[in-house]
Each structure stands twice: as C-alpha cells, then as structure tokens.
Amino acid sequence: MESNKNEITVAARLGIGFGIILAMMLALSVLSVFKVNAIDNSLQHISEVNNVKQRYAINFRGSVHDRAIALRDVTLVGDSEMAGVTALIDKLDADYQRSAKPLDALFSDAQVKVTPEEREWLNKIKQSETQTTPLIKKIIDARNGGDLEGARKIMLGQAKPAFVQWLANINGLIDQEEKLTSAESELARQGAHNFQSLALFAVAAAIAIGLVVAWRVTHYLLRALGAEPAEVKALANAVDRGELYHEVALRDQDRTSIMAVLLKMSRNLRSTVTEVHQASVAVTSISEQISEQNQHLSSRTEDQASSLEETASAMEELTSTVKQNADSARDANRLAQNASDIASKGGEIVGEVVQTMNLIDASSRKIEEIIGVIDGIAFQTNILALNAAVEAARAGEQGRGFAVVATEVRNLAQRSSTAAREVKTLIDDSVSKIHAGTELAEHAGSTMRDIVHSVKQVSDMVGAITLASNEQSEGIEEVNRAISQMDQVTQQNAALVENAAGEVEVLRQQAAQLNQTVSVFKLQRAGWDARPAPAAPAGAARLPAPEEA
C-alpha cells in the first residue's frame, strides 16, 4: 500500500504531542529537582554549618561568661570554697576547648564554605582567649598566694575589659552566623518563590500546549477518518457483511480520509463483484461450449490415433521389405565384389601367361637360331667329311681308316642335320602354336579386362543400390519414428483432451462456486432492480447503527 512519505503519521503526531507534554513535564521535574536540591543544600548548610558554628559560639559565650563570674567569685569566697571555684573554672575551660576543637576543624574543612568575616571573628576570639587565659591564672595564683587585693586589681583592671572584649568577639561571631543564616534562609525562600512562579507558568504552558496538541490531533484524526469513528466502523462492518450498496455523505473536497477511501473501496468492490459475477456466468457458458468441443476433438483424436496405428503397421511391413532388399543388395554387392576380385586375379594370371608365352616365343626363336647354327655346322661337317673321303680315296690303302672315320663323321653330320631339321620343324610348329597361344592369351586378357570392368560397374551399381536401399531404409525408419512420435503426440493430445475436459469441468464447478461466493455480496437493497447503484448523494442508503463493541 502506497502512502505519502512526507505526511506525518498518526503515531508520529500523537508521539510528538505527548512527547512535548512529557518533555515539559520532564523539564519541570528536572527544574523541580534542581530547585529542591538548591533549597535542600541551603537548608543543609544552615542546619549543618551555620547553626553548628553558632552553637559552638554560643558554647564559647556561656563558658566565657560563667568563667568571668567564677573568676569574680575567686576574689569574694573564702579559702574553704576556693577549691570548688577553681575546679569550676577548669571545667568551664574544658567545655570551651570541647567546642573549640570541632569549630577549628569546621573552619579548616575545605568543603565547608567560610566567609572572611567569620574567619576574622574567629581570629579575634582566639586573640581574646590568648590575652585573657594568662590573666585568669594570675588572679588564681594571687588569690592562692594570699594577695587578695592584687587579685582584685588584676580582676578589675585587666581581666574585666578582656572578658568584655572576649564576649563581644564571641557575640560578633554569633551575630555573623545569624546574619548568614538569615541570608541563606532568605535565598531559599526567594528560590522557592521563584520556583513556585516558574512551576505555575510551566504548568499553565503545559496545559495550553496540551490543549493545542489535543485540538490539533483531534482535528487531524477527524479529518483523517472523514467521519466519527462509529460511522467508519459501521461502514466497515457493512462491507464485512457484504452490503456494498451503502452510501455516505462526505465532507466537501474530502478525497483522502479513511471514510472516503473506505467508501471508494466499497464502490470499487461493488463494481468488481458485478464484473466477477458476469465473468463467472460467461466462464460457465464458455466452459460448457469447450466441454462439448473437447468431446468432438476427443472423438477425432481417437480416429486419428487408429489411422496412425494402421499406417505404422504398414510402414513396419515396408520397413521389413526394404531391409530385406538392402540385405540382398549387400549380398549381391559382396558377390560382385568377390567376382570382381576373381576376375582381376584372372586378368593378372592371363597377363602373366601372355608374358610367359612371349618369353617362350623368344626362347623358341633363339633355339631356332641355334638349330640353324647346328645345321650349318652339320653341313660344313658333311662337306669336310666328303672332302676327307675324297682325300682318303686318293690316298688309297693308307687312307682307308681315315675314310671310315670320314664316313662316320659324314653319317653323323647327316643325322645331326636331319635331327636339326626335325627339331627346327618341331620348333617352327611350336612357334606357330606359341604365336597362336599368345594371340589367344592376349585376347583372353582383353576379355578378362572387359569382364573386370563390367564386374566393377555391376559392383558399383549394386553398391549404389545398397546405398540407396540403406538410405531408403533409414528414411523409412525416420518415417516410422515420425509416425511413432505422431502416435505418441496423438495419445498425449487425447490425454490432454481428457485432462482439458476434466479441467473444464473443474472450471465450470469453480465458476459456479465463484458465482455462489459472489452472491454473498449484496449489490442492491432487497426489492431494487439489478442495475449497479451509482455514487449516491448524502442521505442515500444510510448506514445502519454501529454494532456494540
């Protein structure tokens, strides 16, 4: 809830008002304590200092006066009474000293206020004591020595004026203490009178300030409430009972008081309750329509789920067929690859055979050349043998043995030539066959290369078919997954439709409950029409009497 930060709160106003009164009471109490302490100090000083000094001085006066009388008796009484008079003088001197010691201590105390006049009178008393005490001893000694006339002369000529001065000094101290006591008493009376006047003024000021503060606080509270507390309470109780049709006459320009805010809250609450009631009715109608549409949507969702199940079953069969095709394509690809490998190996073997046939052809040509050489050697050997036979025939009987050898050599040469020709014939036949084999091998190698190329193309085509089958299988699996997801989504939609139907029913029930709850508020009096009541002037729909607390 927002509020004006610069506005002083009620608690602060009350605190300030009572704080001022309490501060004045506290100041008056402190001043009273101060004045009472001052008066008490004055009275205490009179009682414990001045009166004590005066009492000791009076004791001095009695002791000196009685000693003067006793000293006169020394010159009058007989010898038998002299001892009693002397003892009395000693007793009076002891009484004097018992008062002199505490008086000296009192004058020596730094905490005790001693005026210069008092100290001057005490010094005069001590001087008189110092002058008079030897005279008392002289008179007693003269009397005890039988010089009665001498004692009388000392008494009348010296002691009497000394005693008179001594008593005058003591009376001066007594009068000084009496003067101080009178001054202290007058000061205490004047302080009491001043305090009485100040207290009366402070009480009157406190009463005046209290009245002003009370008036200001009362005025502020009435302005803040906007009405009497009983009327504010009655309006609040009416709102608590749900009676939102009450109107109250506010003061002029009253927009911020509690009564104005409470009345505004009642009007806003009445408008809000009206809107909530209308909205709850609309929500009930809409929820019924949504419920009916959800039923149709649920039926269509079930049909769609059934169609998706059939599609999924067909796709599973298609997936199985495509997987079989892919497997067959992979097997064909493997066989084609094996055939390609075998054809490649056959081509390599045919190439090696061609190379071997070429080597054999080259060797046959070399053998043919060697056989030609052998045939030439045989021919030359035959010629030589013939020449040898001719020469052996010319030699007659001596050359017969050589002729036999020459004949054998010639026969051997002929057989070698015959064998060479036969070998050449065989080699020529072999070379021709080798040429034919080489041509066949080369043709077979070309054919094998064509076969390898064709097998490679077939292998590539089968590989492409395999790849396409795999991609088709993956695509169908993706379609299956999509269909499965669609089926799941459809099932979820069906579940959501059922949940939505349940939620719509709950919404309808809550709307009905809200409508029933809102019906607690009374927007018009009994018998009025259903139109919202405008801001009524003073006197319209007055509040009932406030309830007793």
Foldseek 3Di string as FASTA:
>chain_A
DDDDPPDDDLVRLVCVLVVVLVVLVVVLVVVVVVLVVLLVVLVCLLVVPLVLLLVLLVLLLVLLVVLLVLLVVLLVDDPVCNVVSVVSNVVSVVSNVVSVVVSVVLVVDPVRDDDPQLVVLVVQLVVLCVQQVVLSVVLSVCSVVVNSVVSVCSSVPPNVVSSVSNSVSSVSNNVVSVVSSVVSVVVSVVSVVVSVVVSVVSVVVSVVSSVVSVVVSVVVLCLQQQHPPQQLLLLVVCVVQQALAAAAAGDPPRCRHSSNVSNVVSQVVLVVLVVLLVVLVVLLVVLVVLLVVLVVVLVVLVVVLVVLVVVLVVLVVVLVVLVVQLVVLVVVLVVLVVVLVVLVVVLVVLVVVLVVLVVVLVVLVVVLVVLVVLLVVLVVLLVVLVVLLVVLVVVPPVSPVVNVVSVVSNVVSVVSNVVSVVVNVVSVVVSVVSVVVSVVSVVVSVVSVVVSVVSVVVSVVSVVSSVVSVVVSVVSVVVSVVSVVVSVVSVVVSVVSVVSSVVSVVSSVVSVVSSVVSVSRDQDDPPDDPDGDDNDHHPPNHGDRRDDD
